Amino acid sequence: MLRTTLTAALLAATTLAAQAQALPERIKTAGKLVIATQPNYPPIAFKDPATNQLSGFDIELGEAIGKELGVKVEWQETAFAQMLPSIQTGRVDMAMAGMSDLPARREQVDFVDYMVSGAQFYTVTAFKDQIKAAEDLCGKSVGASRSTNWPVQIGEWSQANCVAKGKPAINVVGTEGSVDARTQIKTQRLQGAVQGSETMGHFQKLEPNTYIPLGKPFTTTLVGIPVAKTAEGAQLRDAVKAALDKLQANGGYQALIQKYGLVDNPLKPISINKGQ
């Protein structure tokens, strides 16, 4: 029994040593991982209204990654548009904010992909008799955050599903963010909107009898953690992937998926730079 206990302790110590070794020396010395986030995208990243503390899937997953790597996590609230520049200048080590892994972004950073998303059309109950399917949005005003690739994807969908079939094109409206899109659709300035499929369930619970998803997501996107495209960044990238692999193996990842109602969004296995 003693031998078994000693062996287990040795294996645990070896694992911790390997994890620490995998991290860049600068991060090991600092004892912390600095992660950018923007808490305006529930249930992925938001502030708990009762405590004003950071909450969400990305926040808890980031803390779990830090624990696996043996370092603390320091969150830095950052505007979405400033996240990649902040990584490139070394102000933060990585970002967790529901960011899509896109080829254009990979010119600047590498991604550790950990979730599946998709662009989801939706409307509100005020239009339920007029808009019952995505095709009913042809000729209507549809909004989405201009800081994402959704406006472009809406335009492409419109060309293939509206214009090519002799219907009027969707009027694509770039909004200040998903919150702005929801505000505009509730005030009927828009007739439809798009946001990530992983968020729809949360808002349907938060505001019952308000939002109506239209069909299934019309795109498939991988969500990733961006890190610097440098030798140090590659070392961090591989360490983060190893931590996520372990969290999937021990059930921690799936527990968070269930907690935040993201049952349609897990990505297995964890991948690197696989977004299209």
Protein backbone atom coordinates (compact mmCIF):
# COMPACT_ATOMS: atom_id res chain seq x y z
CA MET A 1 0.00 0.00 0.00
CA LEU A 2 2.81 2.40 0.88
CA ARG A 3 4.56 1.58 -2.39
CA THR A 4 1.35 2.30 -4.32
CA THR A 5 0.89 5.61 -2.51
CA LEU A 6 4.48 6.63 -3.16
CA THR A 7 4.17 5.67 -6.82
CA ALA A 8 0.99 7.74 -7.20
CA ALA A 9 2.62 10.70 -5.50
CA LEU A 10 5.66 10.41 -7.77
CA LEU A 11 3.46 10.27 -10.87
CA ALA A 12 1.51 13.32 -9.71
CA ALA A 13 4.73 15.23 -9.06
CA THR A 14 6.09 14.20 -12.44
CA THR A 15 2.92 15.39 -14.17
CA LEU A 16 3.07 18.76 -12.42
CA ALA A 17 6.73 19.12 -13.34
CA ALA A 18 5.98 18.32 -16.95
CA GLN A 19 3.19 20.90 -17.02
CA ALA A 20 5.44 23.55 -15.50
CA GLN A 21 8.19 22.66 -17.95
CA ALA A 22 5.76 23.08 -20.86
CA LEU A 23 5.08 26.71 -20.01
CA PRO A 24 7.34 29.50 -21.27
CA GLU A 25 9.94 30.50 -18.67
CA ARG A 26 8.54 34.03 -18.41
CA ILE A 27 5.09 32.76 -17.43
CA LYS A 28 6.51 30.18 -15.00
CA THR A 29 8.57 32.88 -13.30
CA ALA A 30 5.61 35.25 -13.08
CA GLY A 31 3.40 32.46 -11.78
CA LYS A 32 0.44 33.77 -13.71
CA LEU A 33 -1.27 33.65 -17.06
CA VAL A 34 -2.69 36.98 -18.26
CA ILE A 35 -5.86 36.43 -20.28
CA ALA A 36 -7.85 39.08 -22.12
CA THR A 37 -11.63 38.85 -22.09
CA GLN A 38 -14.65 41.04 -22.77
CA PRO A 39 -17.52 40.21 -20.41
CA ASN A 40 -20.38 41.08 -22.74
CA TYR A 41 -21.07 37.70 -24.33
CA PRO A 42 -23.10 35.48 -21.99
CA PRO A 43 -22.96 32.61 -21.28
CA ILE A 44 -19.37 32.62 -22.58
CA ALA A 45 -18.07 35.65 -20.69
CA PHE A 46 -20.12 38.09 -18.63
CA LYS A 47 -20.39 39.70 -15.20
CA ASP A 48 -22.66 38.10 -12.63
CA PRO A 49 -25.27 40.81 -11.95
CA ALA A 50 -25.47 39.78 -8.29
CA THR A 51 -21.72 40.02 -7.59
CA ASN A 52 -20.27 41.95 -10.55
CA GLN A 53 -17.67 39.17 -10.78
CA LEU A 54 -16.49 37.67 -14.07
CA SER A 55 -18.49 34.58 -14.93
CA GLY A 56 -19.16 32.26 -17.82
CA PHE A 57 -17.88 29.23 -19.67
CA ASP A 58 -14.66 30.88 -20.87
CA ILE A 59 -13.93 32.32 -17.43
CA GLU A 60 -14.28 29.00 -15.63
CA LEU A 61 -12.45 27.14 -18.40
CA GLY A 62 -9.60 29.66 -18.25
CA GLU A 63 -9.32 29.18 -14.48
CA ALA A 64 -9.26 25.41 -15.00
CA ILE A 65 -6.49 25.75 -17.60
CA GLY A 66 -4.45 27.82 -15.16
CA LYS A 67 -4.93 25.20 -12.45
CA GLU A 68 -3.79 22.43 -14.79
CA LEU A 69 -0.70 24.46 -15.67
CA GLY A 70 0.06 25.32 -12.06
CA VAL A 71 -0.28 29.11 -12.40
CA LYS A 72 -2.81 31.75 -11.38
CA VAL A 73 -4.97 33.49 -13.95
CA GLU A 74 -5.13 37.27 -14.20
CA TRP A 75 -8.06 38.50 -16.27
CA GLN A 76 -7.70 41.72 -18.21
CA GLU A 77 -10.86 43.28 -19.61
CA THR A 78 -10.05 44.32 -23.17
CA ALA A 79 -12.07 45.63 -26.10
CA PHE A 80 -12.54 42.84 -28.62
CA ALA A 81 -10.77 44.77 -31.39
CA GLN A 82 -7.73 45.26 -29.14
CA MET A 83 -7.27 41.62 -28.15
CA LEU A 84 -4.99 40.50 -30.98
CA PRO A 85 -2.83 43.66 -30.79
CA SER A 86 -2.56 43.13 -27.02
CA ILE A 87 -1.31 39.59 -27.61
CA GLN A 88 1.17 40.73 -30.23
CA THR A 89 2.62 43.44 -27.95
CA GLY A 90 2.81 41.10 -24.96
CA ARG A 91 0.31 42.99 -22.85
CA VAL A 92 -1.63 39.73 -22.43
CA ASP A 93 -0.63 36.11 -23.02
CA MET A 94 -3.83 34.97 -24.71
CA ALA A 95 -7.55 35.75 -24.99
CA MET A 96 -10.74 33.91 -24.09
CA ALA A 97 -13.77 35.74 -25.47
CA GLY A 98 -15.57 33.38 -27.83
CA MET A 99 -13.25 34.37 -30.69
CA SER A 100 -13.64 32.57 -34.02
CA ASP A 101 -10.54 30.92 -35.47
CA LEU A 102 -10.41 32.50 -38.93
CA PRO A 103 -7.68 32.22 -41.59
CA ALA A 104 -7.26 36.02 -41.68
CA ARG A 105 -6.71 36.12 -37.91
CA ARG A 106 -4.15 33.31 -38.16
CA GLU A 107 -1.90 35.68 -40.07
CA GLN A 108 -1.37 37.36 -36.69
CA VAL A 109 -1.87 34.60 -34.08
CA ASP A 110 -2.22 30.86 -33.57
CA PHE A 111 -5.43 29.35 -32.17
CA VAL A 112 -6.15 26.50 -29.78
CA ASP A 113 -9.66 25.49 -30.88
CA TYR A 114 -11.97 24.34 -28.07
CA MET A 115 -15.60 24.89 -29.11
CA VAL A 116 -17.94 24.80 -32.13
CA SER A 117 -20.12 27.79 -32.95
CA GLY A 118 -22.24 28.95 -35.83
CA ALA A 119 -24.07 32.03 -37.07
CA GLN A 120 -27.70 31.80 -35.99
CA PHE A 121 -30.51 33.82 -37.54
CA TYR A 122 -33.25 34.88 -35.13
CA THR A 123 -36.17 37.24 -34.87
CA VAL A 124 -38.53 38.36 -32.10
CA THR A 125 -42.11 37.47 -31.27
CA ALA A 126 -43.40 40.75 -32.76
CA PHE A 127 -42.55 39.30 -36.20
CA LYS A 128 -43.57 35.69 -35.56
CA ASP A 129 -46.46 35.80 -38.06
CA GLN A 130 -44.35 37.36 -40.82
CA ILE A 131 -40.99 35.66 -40.30
CA LYS A 132 -41.13 31.91 -39.74
CA ALA A 133 -37.97 30.75 -41.53
CA ALA A 134 -34.62 32.22 -42.54
CA GLU A 135 -35.86 32.65 -46.12
CA ASP A 136 -38.48 35.11 -44.84
CA LEU A 137 -35.63 37.53 -44.06
CA CYS A 138 -35.05 38.21 -47.76
CA GLY A 139 -35.69 41.92 -48.33
CA LYS A 140 -35.59 42.61 -44.57
CA SER A 141 -33.02 44.41 -42.39
CA VAL A 142 -30.82 41.96 -40.48
CA GLY A 143 -28.14 43.07 -38.04
CA ALA A 144 -25.02 41.59 -36.51
CA SER A 145 -21.94 42.84 -34.71
CA ARG A 146 -19.59 44.55 -37.14
CA SER A 147 -16.56 43.33 -35.17
CA THR A 148 -17.34 39.76 -36.29
CA ASN A 149 -17.46 38.07 -39.70
CA TRP A 150 -21.26 37.65 -39.43
CA PRO A 151 -22.19 40.65 -41.63
CA VAL A 152 -20.13 39.18 -44.47
CA GLN A 153 -21.66 35.73 -43.90
CA ILE A 154 -25.18 37.19 -43.92
CA GLY A 155 -24.40 38.84 -47.26
CA GLU A 156 -23.10 35.57 -48.70
CA TRP A 157 -26.14 33.68 -47.45
CA SER A 158 -28.42 36.35 -48.93
CA GLN A 159 -26.73 36.10 -52.32
CA ALA A 160 -27.18 32.32 -52.41
CA ASN A 161 -30.64 32.05 -50.83
CA CYS A 162 -32.36 35.31 -51.76
CA VAL A 163 -30.84 36.97 -54.83
CA ALA A 164 -30.07 33.71 -56.67
CA LYS A 165 -33.72 32.73 -56.27
CA GLY A 166 -35.11 36.02 -57.52
CA LYS A 167 -35.88 37.45 -54.10
CA PRO A 168 -34.71 40.81 -52.75
CA ALA A 169 -31.40 40.81 -50.90
CA ILE A 170 -31.15 41.13 -47.15
CA ASN A 171 -30.25 44.63 -45.98
CA VAL A 172 -27.21 43.83 -43.82
CA VAL A 173 -26.72 46.18 -40.87
CA GLY A 174 -23.48 46.22 -38.91
CA THR A 175 -24.18 46.90 -35.22
CA GLU A 176 -21.97 47.99 -32.33
CA GLY A 177 -22.21 44.49 -30.91
CA SER A 178 -24.69 41.72 -30.21
CA VAL A 179 -26.31 43.75 -27.42
CA ASP A 180 -26.96 46.57 -29.90
CA ALA A 181 -28.41 44.08 -32.40
CA ARG A 182 -30.81 42.72 -29.77
CA THR A 183 -31.84 46.26 -28.81
CA GLN A 184 -32.51 47.20 -32.42
CA ILE A 185 -34.55 44.09 -33.14
CA LYS A 186 -36.64 44.56 -29.98
CA THR A 187 -37.38 48.14 -31.03
CA GLN A 188 -38.17 46.81 -34.53
CA ARG A 189 -35.49 48.84 -36.30
CA LEU A 190 -34.32 45.41 -37.48
CA GLN A 191 -36.49 42.46 -38.43
CA GLY A 192 -33.81 39.86 -37.88
CA ALA A 193 -30.37 39.46 -36.37
CA VAL A 194 -27.50 37.02 -36.08
CA GLN A 195 -25.42 35.92 -33.13
CA GLY A 196 -23.44 32.85 -32.10
CA SER A 197 -25.54 29.72 -31.68
CA GLU A 198 -23.92 29.12 -28.27
CA THR A 199 -25.65 32.22 -26.87
CA MET A 200 -29.23 31.71 -28.01
CA GLY A 201 -30.35 29.38 -25.23
CA HIS A 202 -29.06 31.79 -22.59
CA PHE A 203 -31.04 34.75 -23.95
CA GLN A 204 -34.19 32.69 -24.46
CA LYS A 205 -34.06 31.83 -20.75
CA LEU A 206 -33.14 35.38 -19.73
CA GLU A 207 -35.97 36.97 -21.74
CA PRO A 208 -38.70 34.32 -22.18
CA ASN A 209 -41.06 34.62 -25.16
CA THR A 210 -38.82 37.18 -26.87
CA TYR A 211 -36.36 35.56 -29.29
CA ILE A 212 -37.17 33.00 -31.98
CA PRO A 213 -34.26 31.12 -33.63
CA LEU A 214 -34.83 30.56 -37.34
CA GLY A 215 -33.71 27.08 -38.29
CA LYS A 216 -30.23 25.77 -37.55
CA PRO A 217 -26.97 27.79 -37.65
CA PHE A 218 -26.11 28.60 -41.26
CA THR A 219 -22.34 28.42 -40.72
CA THR A 220 -19.98 26.28 -38.68
CA THR A 221 -17.08 28.01 -36.94
CA LEU A 222 -14.41 26.87 -34.52
CA VAL A 223 -13.91 29.05 -31.45
CA GLY A 224 -10.31 29.30 -30.28
CA ILE A 225 -7.85 30.77 -27.82
CA PRO A 226 -5.43 33.05 -29.69
CA VAL A 227 -1.74 33.14 -28.69
CA ALA A 228 1.24 34.95 -30.17
CA LYS A 229 2.75 33.59 -33.37
CA THR A 230 6.23 33.37 -31.81
CA ALA A 231 8.44 30.66 -30.34
CA GLU A 232 7.15 31.51 -26.86
CA GLY A 233 3.61 31.61 -28.17
CA ALA A 234 3.99 28.15 -29.71
CA GLN A 235 5.19 26.83 -26.35
CA LEU A 236 2.16 28.36 -24.60
CA ARG A 237 -0.16 27.11 -27.35
CA ASP A 238 0.99 23.53 -26.86
CA ALA A 239 0.77 23.81 -23.06
CA VAL A 240 -2.80 25.14 -23.26
CA LYS A 241 -3.80 22.37 -25.66
CA ALA A 242 -2.33 19.76 -23.29
CA ALA A 243 -4.29 21.28 -20.39
CA LEU A 244 -7.53 21.20 -22.40
CA ASP A 245 -6.83 17.60 -23.46
CA LYS A 246 -6.55 16.68 -19.78
CA LEU A 247 -9.73 18.57 -18.89
CA GLN A 248 -11.58 16.61 -21.55
CA ALA A 249 -10.12 13.36 -20.24
CA ASN A 250 -11.02 14.03 -16.60
CA GLY A 251 -14.55 15.34 -17.30
CA GLY A 252 -13.92 18.95 -16.26
CA TYR A 253 -14.56 20.30 -19.76
CA GLN A 254 -17.83 18.40 -20.17
CA ALA A 255 -19.04 19.52 -16.74
CA LEU A 256 -18.69 23.16 -17.83
CA ILE A 257 -20.40 22.43 -21.16
CA GLN A 258 -23.37 21.05 -19.23
CA LYS A 259 -23.37 23.86 -16.65
CA TYR A 260 -23.66 26.56 -19.30
CA GLY A 261 -26.10 24.73 -21.58
CA LEU A 262 -23.65 24.34 -24.46
CA VAL A 263 -24.51 20.75 -25.32
CA ASP A 264 -24.41 21.46 -29.09
CA ASN A 265 -21.04 23.23 -28.93
CA PRO A 266 -18.26 20.95 -27.58
CA LEU A 267 -15.25 20.32 -29.82
CA LYS A 268 -13.51 16.97 -29.51
CA PRO A 269 -10.65 16.57 -29.88
CA ILE A 270 -9.06 19.92 -29.12
CA SER A 271 -7.31 21.18 -32.25
CA ILE A 272 -4.86 23.85 -33.41
CA ASN A 273 -5.51 26.28 -36.29
CA LYS A 274 -8.33 24.23 -37.84
CA GLY A 275 -10.85 27.05 -38.36
CA GLN A 276 -12.10 27.66 -41.89
